[in-house]
Amino acid sequence: MDFSIPERTQKIVEQVRDIVQGEVMPLEGEMRSGFAAVEPRLRAVREKVRAAGLLTPQMPREAGGAGLSLTEHALVSEELGRTPLGHYAFNCQAPDAGNMEILWHFGSDAQKERFLRPLLRGDVRSCFAMTEPERPGSNPTWMDTRARREGDEWVIDGHKWFTSGADGAAFAIVMAVTDPEAPPHRRASQILVPCDTPGFQRVRNISVMGDEGGGWASHSELRFTGCRVPAGNLLGERGTGFAIAQERLGPGRIHHCMRWIGICERSFDLLCKRAATRELAPGKLLGLKQMVQEWIADSRAEINGARLMVLQAAWKIEREGAYQAREEISLIKFYVANVMLRVVDRAIQAHGALGVTDETPLAWYWREERAARIYDGADEVHKASVAKRILRRYGLEVG
């Protein structure tokens, strides 16, 4: 086993780190006034990223991206994850990054020209509408939104929510049932819907932990009422919506998990600085407390272990595909999310009351990232899935 990072990759990571620390982190304070306040400055940073040849790093060069492998992008994603604005500055933020990958692999030439090219350039944003209020988000085969074919059009009726980034998005990729009588995994399709289409309604931004957010940093409720789009807006083949979604989620979880590692590293750095400088009494520093030292040691061990797990999963996806790596993907999804939240919590605790203010990014991490144990499959779903696969190897079939 060779744990070294190639020199080329090291140089890319260093470039990204310099831009993140010098250009992106200084903008974090402006987020307090809402995403709209900081977006113009972020677009200026994007031009510097573009000039460095690092914009849209996860996409191949022939698509207009930086052409990083999944493992390389995982390492870059860790650096970007150190700030809430990092991925957006490099045009590889969710949900757009996943939508780019879907369109690149499954989109027609016409769809790529109309929807993908502007997304790759960073000219527009998109959203992915799958979760519904009336159905569990952990079961993407069970939904009520319907799309029926009428002549040369699809007519969509349904209700979605937690559609991230819908506020200001140019288009949505909508999961809708097109074949109600088909087997569960063949019932749904994905359809491209411009957000200015009649019958598309963004009802509201949902308040999350007391914050409705805005623009990219928001989660919306949507309604589709007789929403008509051309038949050519079907993405991939009819009935393959679930399969396409699974292709999207595997690599996407690598992106998420390494972003979480970046959050861990930023939080760990704040924890250690606080421990080394905060006086509890004259000459008595917080870091001299054995309990705080335990927080530091446990955090370092957990972060290091989590990083290796994610990189190994990325390595396996690159060589064998996401389907063969589904056990590793489930393991990192629930394990890394919990490591992140433990590290952030320790850092908040070390900062005392300061930790729950917006003077540091810690409170933002806690508000925004508690959902990591829920979205893209709740912890419990992933744990059950892994356990069932393991038990089958011992001859026990679990329903």
Protein backbone atom coordinates (compact mmCIF):
# COMPACT_ATOMS: atom_id res chain seq x y z
CA MET A 1 0.00 0.00 0.00
CA ASP A 2 1.32 3.40 -0.99
CA PHE A 3 -0.11 6.28 1.02
CA SER A 4 1.91 8.99 -0.73
CA ILE A 5 0.18 11.72 -2.72
CA PRO A 6 1.59 12.30 -6.23
CA GLU A 7 3.56 15.52 -6.64
CA ARG A 8 1.12 16.84 -9.25
CA THR A 9 -1.79 16.35 -6.85
CA GLN A 10 0.13 17.98 -3.99
CA LYS A 11 0.70 21.08 -6.11
CA ILE A 12 -3.00 21.29 -6.99
CA VAL A 13 -3.99 20.93 -3.33
CA GLU A 14 -1.53 23.67 -2.37
CA GLN A 15 -2.93 25.97 -5.06
CA VAL A 16 -6.44 25.37 -3.80
CA ARG A 17 -5.37 25.91 -0.17
CA ASP A 18 -3.77 29.26 -1.03
CA ILE A 19 -6.92 30.50 -2.79
CA VAL A 20 -9.19 29.28 0.00
CA GLN A 21 -7.13 30.93 2.73
CA GLY A 22 -6.31 34.12 0.85
CA GLU A 23 -9.49 34.79 -1.11
CA VAL A 24 -12.43 32.80 0.26
CA MET A 25 -12.13 32.66 4.05
CA PRO A 26 -11.99 36.47 4.35
CA LEU A 27 -15.50 36.61 2.86
CA GLU A 28 -17.14 34.44 5.54
CA GLY A 29 -18.23 37.41 7.66
CA GLU A 30 -20.36 38.75 4.82
CA MET A 31 -22.49 35.58 4.94
CA ARG A 32 -24.17 37.00 8.06
CA SER A 33 -26.06 39.40 5.76
CA GLY A 34 -27.23 36.50 3.57
CA PHE A 35 -25.81 34.73 0.57
CA ALA A 36 -26.86 37.49 -1.85
CA ALA A 37 -24.48 39.87 -0.05
CA VAL A 38 -21.42 37.73 -0.66
CA GLU A 39 -22.23 36.26 -4.10
CA PRO A 40 -20.78 39.16 -6.17
CA ARG A 41 -17.46 38.83 -4.31
CA LEU A 42 -17.51 35.07 -4.80
CA ARG A 43 -17.96 35.53 -8.54
CA ALA A 44 -14.81 37.65 -8.57
CA VAL A 45 -12.98 34.83 -6.78
CA ARG A 46 -14.33 32.39 -9.37
CA GLU A 47 -12.60 34.33 -12.11
CA LYS A 48 -9.29 33.88 -10.30
CA VAL A 49 -10.04 30.18 -9.91
CA ARG A 50 -10.88 29.98 -13.62
CA ALA A 51 -7.61 31.71 -14.51
CA ALA A 52 -5.74 29.14 -12.41
CA GLY A 53 -7.42 26.31 -14.38
CA LEU A 54 -9.16 24.95 -11.29
CA LEU A 55 -12.81 25.85 -11.91
CA THR A 56 -15.23 22.89 -11.85
CA PRO A 57 -12.44 20.51 -10.74
CA GLN A 58 -14.57 17.35 -10.66
CA MET A 59 -15.48 17.43 -14.36
CA PRO A 60 -13.31 16.06 -17.21
CA ARG A 61 -11.28 18.44 -19.35
CA GLU A 62 -13.33 17.65 -22.45
CA ALA A 63 -16.38 18.94 -20.55
CA GLY A 64 -14.57 22.14 -19.60
CA GLY A 65 -13.54 21.12 -16.09
CA ALA A 66 -10.14 20.73 -14.44
CA GLY A 67 -10.17 16.96 -15.04
CA LEU A 68 -9.36 15.72 -11.54
CA SER A 69 -9.87 12.07 -10.71
CA LEU A 70 -12.31 11.16 -7.94
CA THR A 71 -9.44 10.65 -5.48
CA GLU A 72 -7.79 13.93 -6.47
CA HIS A 73 -11.07 15.79 -6.14
CA ALA A 74 -11.58 14.19 -2.74
CA LEU A 75 -8.34 15.78 -1.52
CA VAL A 76 -9.32 19.13 -3.07
CA SER A 77 -12.78 18.84 -1.51
CA GLU A 78 -11.19 18.59 1.93
CA GLU A 79 -9.44 21.91 1.38
CA LEU A 80 -12.62 23.53 0.07
CA GLY A 81 -14.61 22.17 3.01
CA ARG A 82 -12.58 24.29 5.44
CA THR A 83 -14.90 27.19 4.61
CA PRO A 84 -18.66 27.17 3.92
CA LEU A 85 -17.97 29.08 0.69
CA GLY A 86 -15.17 26.93 -0.71
CA HIS A 87 -17.06 24.63 -3.05
CA TYR A 88 -19.17 27.46 -4.43
CA ALA A 89 -16.06 29.51 -5.21
CA PHE A 90 -14.75 26.60 -7.31
CA ASN A 91 -18.12 25.82 -8.97
CA CYS A 92 -18.33 22.32 -7.52
CA GLN A 93 -21.05 22.90 -4.93
CA ALA A 94 -24.00 20.59 -4.33
CA PRO A 95 -26.44 20.11 -5.96
CA ASP A 96 -24.86 21.54 -9.11
CA ALA A 97 -21.85 19.22 -9.08
CA GLY A 98 -24.07 16.14 -9.13
CA ASN A 99 -26.32 17.62 -11.79
CA MET A 100 -23.29 18.33 -13.98
CA GLU A 101 -22.23 14.70 -13.71
CA ILE A 102 -25.74 13.45 -14.55
CA LEU A 103 -26.01 15.69 -17.60
CA TRP A 104 -22.53 14.77 -18.79
CA HIS A 105 -23.20 11.03 -18.60
CA PHE A 106 -26.89 10.87 -19.51
CA GLY A 107 -27.82 14.11 -21.26
CA SER A 108 -28.47 14.39 -25.00
CA ASP A 109 -26.40 16.78 -27.10
CA ALA A 110 -29.24 19.30 -27.03
CA GLN A 111 -29.59 18.99 -23.23
CA LYS A 112 -25.85 19.46 -22.75
CA GLU A 113 -25.88 22.59 -24.90
CA ARG A 114 -28.89 24.17 -23.18
CA PHE A 115 -28.46 23.07 -19.58
CA LEU A 116 -24.95 21.72 -18.96
CA ARG A 117 -22.73 24.29 -20.70
CA PRO A 118 -23.99 27.30 -18.69
CA LEU A 119 -23.70 25.23 -15.50
CA LEU A 120 -20.10 24.27 -16.27
CA ARG A 121 -19.22 27.90 -16.93
CA GLY A 122 -20.76 28.93 -13.61
CA ASP A 123 -23.27 31.19 -15.36
CA VAL A 124 -26.34 29.54 -13.78
CA ARG A 125 -27.32 27.31 -10.87
CA SER A 126 -29.61 24.28 -10.75
CA CYS A 127 -31.49 22.15 -8.24
CA PHE A 128 -32.54 18.51 -7.84
CA ALA A 129 -36.17 17.90 -6.82
CA MET A 130 -36.71 14.44 -5.35
CA THR A 131 -37.80 14.53 -1.69
CA GLU A 132 -41.53 14.91 -0.98
CA PRO A 133 -43.35 16.03 2.20
CA GLU A 134 -45.76 13.11 2.08
CA ARG A 135 -43.13 10.38 1.53
CA PRO A 136 -39.92 9.34 3.36
CA GLY A 137 -36.84 10.83 1.76
CA SER A 138 -34.88 7.67 2.51
CA ASN A 139 -37.04 5.72 0.04
CA PRO A 140 -36.55 7.32 -3.40
CA THR A 141 -38.63 4.61 -5.11
CA TRP A 142 -41.80 5.80 -3.35
CA MET A 143 -43.11 9.16 -4.51
CA ASP A 144 -46.34 10.76 -5.60
CA THR A 145 -45.17 13.31 -8.18
CA ARG A 146 -46.43 12.20 -11.60
CA ALA A 147 -45.39 13.02 -15.14
CA ARG A 148 -47.71 11.91 -17.93
CA ARG A 149 -46.97 12.05 -21.64
CA GLU A 150 -49.32 14.16 -23.72
CA GLY A 151 -48.22 14.36 -27.34
CA ASP A 152 -44.79 15.95 -27.47
CA GLU A 153 -44.85 17.09 -23.85
CA TRP A 154 -44.50 15.82 -20.31
CA VAL A 155 -47.09 17.20 -17.88
CA ILE A 156 -45.88 17.19 -14.26
CA ASP A 157 -48.02 17.40 -11.12
CA GLY A 158 -46.56 17.02 -7.66
CA HIS A 159 -45.12 18.43 -4.46
CA LYS A 160 -41.43 18.55 -3.45
CA TRP A 161 -39.44 20.03 -0.62
CA PHE A 162 -35.90 20.34 0.72
CA THR A 163 -34.92 21.17 -2.85
CA SER A 164 -31.55 22.75 -2.13
CA GLY A 165 -30.59 25.84 -4.10
CA ALA A 166 -33.93 26.20 -5.89
CA ASP A 167 -34.04 29.89 -4.94
CA GLY A 168 -32.50 31.52 -8.01
CA ALA A 169 -31.87 28.30 -9.92
CA ALA A 170 -32.28 28.29 -13.70
CA PHE A 171 -33.59 24.74 -13.91
CA ALA A 172 -34.50 21.68 -11.85
CA ILE A 173 -33.94 18.01 -12.44
CA VAL A 174 -37.24 16.52 -11.27
CA MET A 175 -37.80 12.93 -10.20
CA ALA A 176 -41.33 11.95 -11.20
CA VAL A 177 -43.24 8.71 -11.65
CA THR A 178 -43.77 8.06 -15.36
CA ASP A 179 -44.76 4.36 -15.15
CA PRO A 180 -46.90 3.75 -12.03
CA GLU A 181 -47.40 0.04 -12.78
CA ALA A 182 -43.71 -0.76 -13.31
CA PRO A 183 -41.52 -2.41 -10.64
CA PRO A 184 -40.47 0.09 -7.91
CA HIS A 185 -37.00 0.73 -9.33
CA ARG A 186 -38.38 1.38 -12.84
CA ARG A 187 -41.32 3.66 -12.03
CA ALA A 188 -39.59 7.05 -11.99
CA SER A 189 -37.78 9.14 -14.57
CA GLN A 190 -35.76 12.34 -14.40
CA ILE A 191 -37.00 15.37 -16.32
CA LEU A 192 -35.35 18.74 -16.91
CA VAL A 193 -37.65 21.62 -15.96
CA PRO A 194 -36.67 25.29 -16.45
CA CYS A 195 -37.72 27.16 -13.31
CA ASP A 196 -39.61 29.80 -15.32
CA THR A 197 -41.96 27.16 -16.79
CA PRO A 198 -45.66 27.89 -16.13
CA GLY A 199 -46.88 25.52 -13.42
CA PHE A 200 -43.51 25.52 -11.60
CA GLN A 201 -43.92 27.25 -8.24
CA ARG A 202 -41.30 27.84 -5.59
CA VAL A 203 -43.60 28.06 -2.58
CA ARG A 204 -41.03 29.16 0.03
CA ASN A 205 -37.60 28.67 1.49
CA ILE A 206 -37.93 26.31 4.44
CA SER A 207 -36.56 27.65 7.71
CA VAL A 208 -33.76 25.33 8.87
CA MET A 209 -32.49 25.78 12.43
CA GLY A 210 -34.15 29.21 12.44
CA ASP A 211 -32.71 30.40 9.11
CA GLU A 212 -34.57 30.51 5.77
CA GLY A 213 -31.35 31.26 3.93
CA GLY A 214 -31.43 32.54 0.38
CA GLY A 215 -30.08 31.80 -3.06
CA TRP A 216 -27.79 28.78 -3.18
CA ALA A 217 -27.78 28.55 0.65
CA SER A 218 -31.46 27.59 0.93
CA HIS A 219 -33.85 24.64 0.79
CA SER A 220 -37.17 25.19 -0.96
CA GLU A 221 -40.66 23.78 -1.14
CA LEU A 222 -41.89 23.38 -4.73
CA ARG A 223 -45.20 22.63 -6.43
CA PHE A 224 -45.78 21.43 -9.97
CA THR A 225 -49.28 22.04 -11.32
CA GLY A 226 -49.84 21.06 -14.93
CA CYS A 227 -46.20 21.94 -15.57
CA ARG A 228 -45.50 21.22 -19.26
CA VAL A 229 -42.05 20.66 -20.75
CA PRO A 230 -40.99 19.21 -24.12
CA ALA A 231 -40.70 15.44 -24.40
CA GLY A 232 -37.01 15.99 -25.24
CA ASN A 233 -36.41 17.14 -21.65
CA LEU A 234 -36.51 13.52 -20.44
CA LEU A 235 -33.05 12.78 -19.03
CA GLY A 236 -31.77 9.37 -20.06
CA GLU A 237 -34.28 6.62 -20.77
CA ARG A 238 -37.79 6.44 -19.39
CA GLY A 239 -37.94 4.56 -16.09
CA THR A 240 -34.23 4.99 -15.26
CA GLY A 241 -34.63 7.82 -12.75
CA PHE A 242 -33.65 5.69 -9.77
CA ALA A 243 -30.63 4.17 -11.51
CA ILE A 244 -29.39 7.62 -12.55
CA ALA A 245 -29.88 8.91 -9.02
CA GLN A 246 -27.76 6.07 -7.64
CA GLU A 247 -24.99 6.88 -10.12
CA ARG A 248 -25.11 10.44 -8.83
CA LEU A 249 -25.13 9.59 -5.13
CA GLY A 250 -22.10 7.27 -4.97
CA PRO A 251 -19.38 9.74 -6.03
CA GLY A 252 -21.41 12.55 -4.45
CA ARG A 253 -20.99 10.96 -1.04
CA ILE A 254 -17.21 11.03 -1.53
CA HIS A 255 -17.49 14.78 -2.18
CA HIS A 256 -19.65 15.26 0.93
CA CYS A 257 -17.45 13.15 3.18
CA MET A 258 -14.23 14.89 2.22
CA ARG A 259 -15.96 18.24 2.66
CA TRP A 260 -16.84 17.06 6.16
CA ILE A 261 -13.18 16.19 6.74
CA GLY A 262 -12.37 19.79 5.81
CA ILE A 263 -14.91 20.98 8.39
CA CYS A 264 -13.26 18.66 10.91
CA GLU A 265 -9.82 20.12 10.21
CA ARG A 266 -11.02 23.73 10.52
CA SER A 267 -12.86 22.90 13.75
CA PHE A 268 -9.87 20.95 15.09
CA ASP A 269 -7.59 23.91 14.38
CA LEU A 270 -9.94 26.23 16.27
CA LEU A 271 -10.13 23.73 19.15
CA CYS A 272 -6.34 23.51 19.45
CA LYS A 273 -5.79 27.27 19.20
CA ARG A 274 -8.39 27.83 21.89
CA ALA A 275 -6.82 25.21 24.15
CA ALA A 276 -3.35 26.71 23.69
CA THR A 277 -4.33 30.34 24.34
CA ARG A 278 -7.44 30.55 26.53
CA GLU A 279 -6.69 31.31 30.17
CA LEU A 280 -9.08 29.94 32.76
CA ALA A 281 -7.18 31.77 35.47
CA PRO A 282 -3.84 33.64 35.44
CA GLY A 283 -1.29 31.23 33.95
CA LYS A 284 -3.78 28.34 33.73
CA LEU A 285 -4.51 27.51 30.09
CA LEU A 286 -7.45 25.45 28.90
CA GLY A 287 -5.14 22.98 27.14
CA LEU A 288 -3.60 21.92 30.44
CA LYS A 289 -6.86 20.20 31.36
CA GLN A 290 -6.66 16.45 30.78
CA MET A 291 -10.23 16.35 29.52
CA VAL A 292 -9.41 18.89 26.79
CA GLN A 293 -6.30 16.93 25.85
CA GLU A 294 -8.54 13.87 25.44
CA TRP A 295 -10.81 15.85 23.11
CA ILE A 296 -7.79 16.75 21.00
CA ALA A 297 -6.38 13.21 20.87
CA ASP A 298 -9.75 11.61 20.10
CA SER A 299 -10.46 14.17 17.38
CA ARG A 300 -7.10 13.67 15.69
CA ALA A 301 -7.49 9.88 15.67
CA GLU A 302 -11.06 10.02 14.36
CA ILE A 303 -10.24 12.53 11.60
CA ASN A 304 -7.25 10.54 10.40
CA GLY A 305 -9.25 7.31 10.34
CA ALA A 306 -12.19 8.93 8.58
CA ARG A 307 -9.97 10.41 5.88
CA LEU A 308 -8.38 7.03 5.08
CA MET A 309 -11.82 5.39 4.89
CA VAL A 310 -13.04 7.96 2.38
CA LEU A 311 -9.94 7.82 0.20
CA GLN A 312 -10.12 4.02 0.14
CA ALA A 313 -13.78 4.20 -0.93
CA ALA A 314 -12.88 6.68 -3.69
CA TRP A 315 -10.05 4.40 -4.81
CA LYS A 316 -12.46 1.45 -5.05
CA ILE A 317 -15.08 3.47 -6.97
CA GLU A 318 -12.45 4.49 -9.51
CA ARG A 319 -11.36 0.89 -10.07
CA GLU A 320 -14.57 -1.13 -9.68
CA GLY A 321 -17.46 1.33 -9.93
CA ALA A 322 -19.93 2.72 -7.40
CA TYR A 323 -22.05 -0.44 -7.32
CA GLN A 324 -19.14 -2.61 -6.19
CA ALA A 325 -18.20 -0.01 -3.58
CA ARG A 326 -21.70 0.43 -2.14
CA GLU A 327 -20.73 -1.08 1.22
CA GLU A 328 -17.77 1.28 1.58
CA ILE A 329 -19.97 4.20 0.51
CA SER A 330 -22.55 3.43 3.21
CA LEU A 331 -19.83 3.04 5.85
CA ILE A 332 -18.25 6.42 5.18
CA LYS A 333 -21.61 8.14 4.91
CA PHE A 334 -22.65 7.45 8.50
CA TYR A 335 -19.20 7.21 10.07
CA VAL A 336 -17.72 10.46 8.76
CA ALA A 337 -20.91 12.44 9.46
CA ASN A 338 -20.73 11.41 13.10
CA VAL A 339 -17.00 12.12 13.37
CA MET A 340 -17.61 15.61 11.99
CA LEU A 341 -20.36 16.38 14.46
CA ARG A 342 -18.29 15.12 17.39
CA VAL A 343 -15.31 17.25 16.41
CA VAL A 344 -17.46 20.35 15.86
CA ASP A 345 -19.19 19.76 19.21
CA ARG A 346 -15.86 19.51 21.06
CA ALA A 347 -14.66 22.72 19.43
CA ILE A 348 -17.89 24.49 20.43
CA GLN A 349 -17.55 23.22 23.99
CA ALA A 350 -13.97 24.47 24.19
CA HIS A 351 -15.08 27.94 23.08
CA GLY A 352 -17.87 28.10 25.67
CA ALA A 353 -20.54 30.71 24.91
CA LEU A 354 -18.38 32.06 22.07
CA GLY A 355 -18.81 28.71 20.31
CA VAL A 356 -22.55 29.21 19.74
CA THR A 357 -22.15 32.73 18.32
CA ASP A 358 -21.35 33.62 14.73
CA GLU A 359 -17.93 34.99 15.68
CA THR A 360 -16.47 31.68 14.47
CA PRO A 361 -17.79 29.28 11.77
CA LEU A 362 -18.56 26.64 14.41
CA ALA A 363 -22.19 27.61 15.00
CA TRP A 364 -22.76 27.71 11.22
CA TYR A 365 -21.29 24.20 10.92
CA TRP A 366 -23.57 22.92 13.68
CA ARG A 367 -26.71 24.46 12.15
CA GLU A 368 -26.00 23.45 8.58
CA GLU A 369 -24.31 20.09 9.05
CA ARG A 370 -26.48 18.36 11.64
CA ALA A 371 -28.50 17.28 8.61
CA ALA A 372 -25.51 15.25 7.40
CA ARG A 373 -26.83 12.29 9.39
CA ILE A 374 -30.14 12.55 7.51
CA TYR A 375 -29.69 13.58 3.85
CA ASP A 376 -28.38 11.18 1.20
CA GLY A 377 -29.67 8.32 3.34
CA ALA A 378 -30.16 8.48 7.10
CA ASP A 379 -27.57 6.81 9.34
CA GLU A 380 -30.01 4.09 10.26
CA VAL A 381 -30.69 3.18 6.62
CA HIS A 382 -27.00 2.90 5.77
CA LYS A 383 -26.23 0.88 8.90
CA ALA A 384 -29.04 -1.57 8.20
CA SER A 385 -27.91 -1.91 4.59
CA VAL A 386 -24.30 -2.67 5.58
CA ALA A 387 -25.32 -5.12 8.29
CA LYS A 388 -27.59 -7.04 5.90
CA ARG A 389 -24.81 -7.44 3.35
CA ILE A 390 -22.40 -8.65 6.01
CA LEU A 391 -24.90 -11.14 7.45
CA ARG A 392 -25.54 -12.58 3.99
CA ARG A 393 -21.90 -13.59 3.88
CA TYR A 394 -22.63 -15.65 7.00
CA GLY A 395 -25.63 -17.33 5.41
CA LEU A 396 -28.32 -15.21 7.10
CA GLU A 397 -30.87 -13.50 4.85
CA VAL A 398 -32.39 -10.45 6.51
CA GLY A 399 -35.55 -8.97 5.02
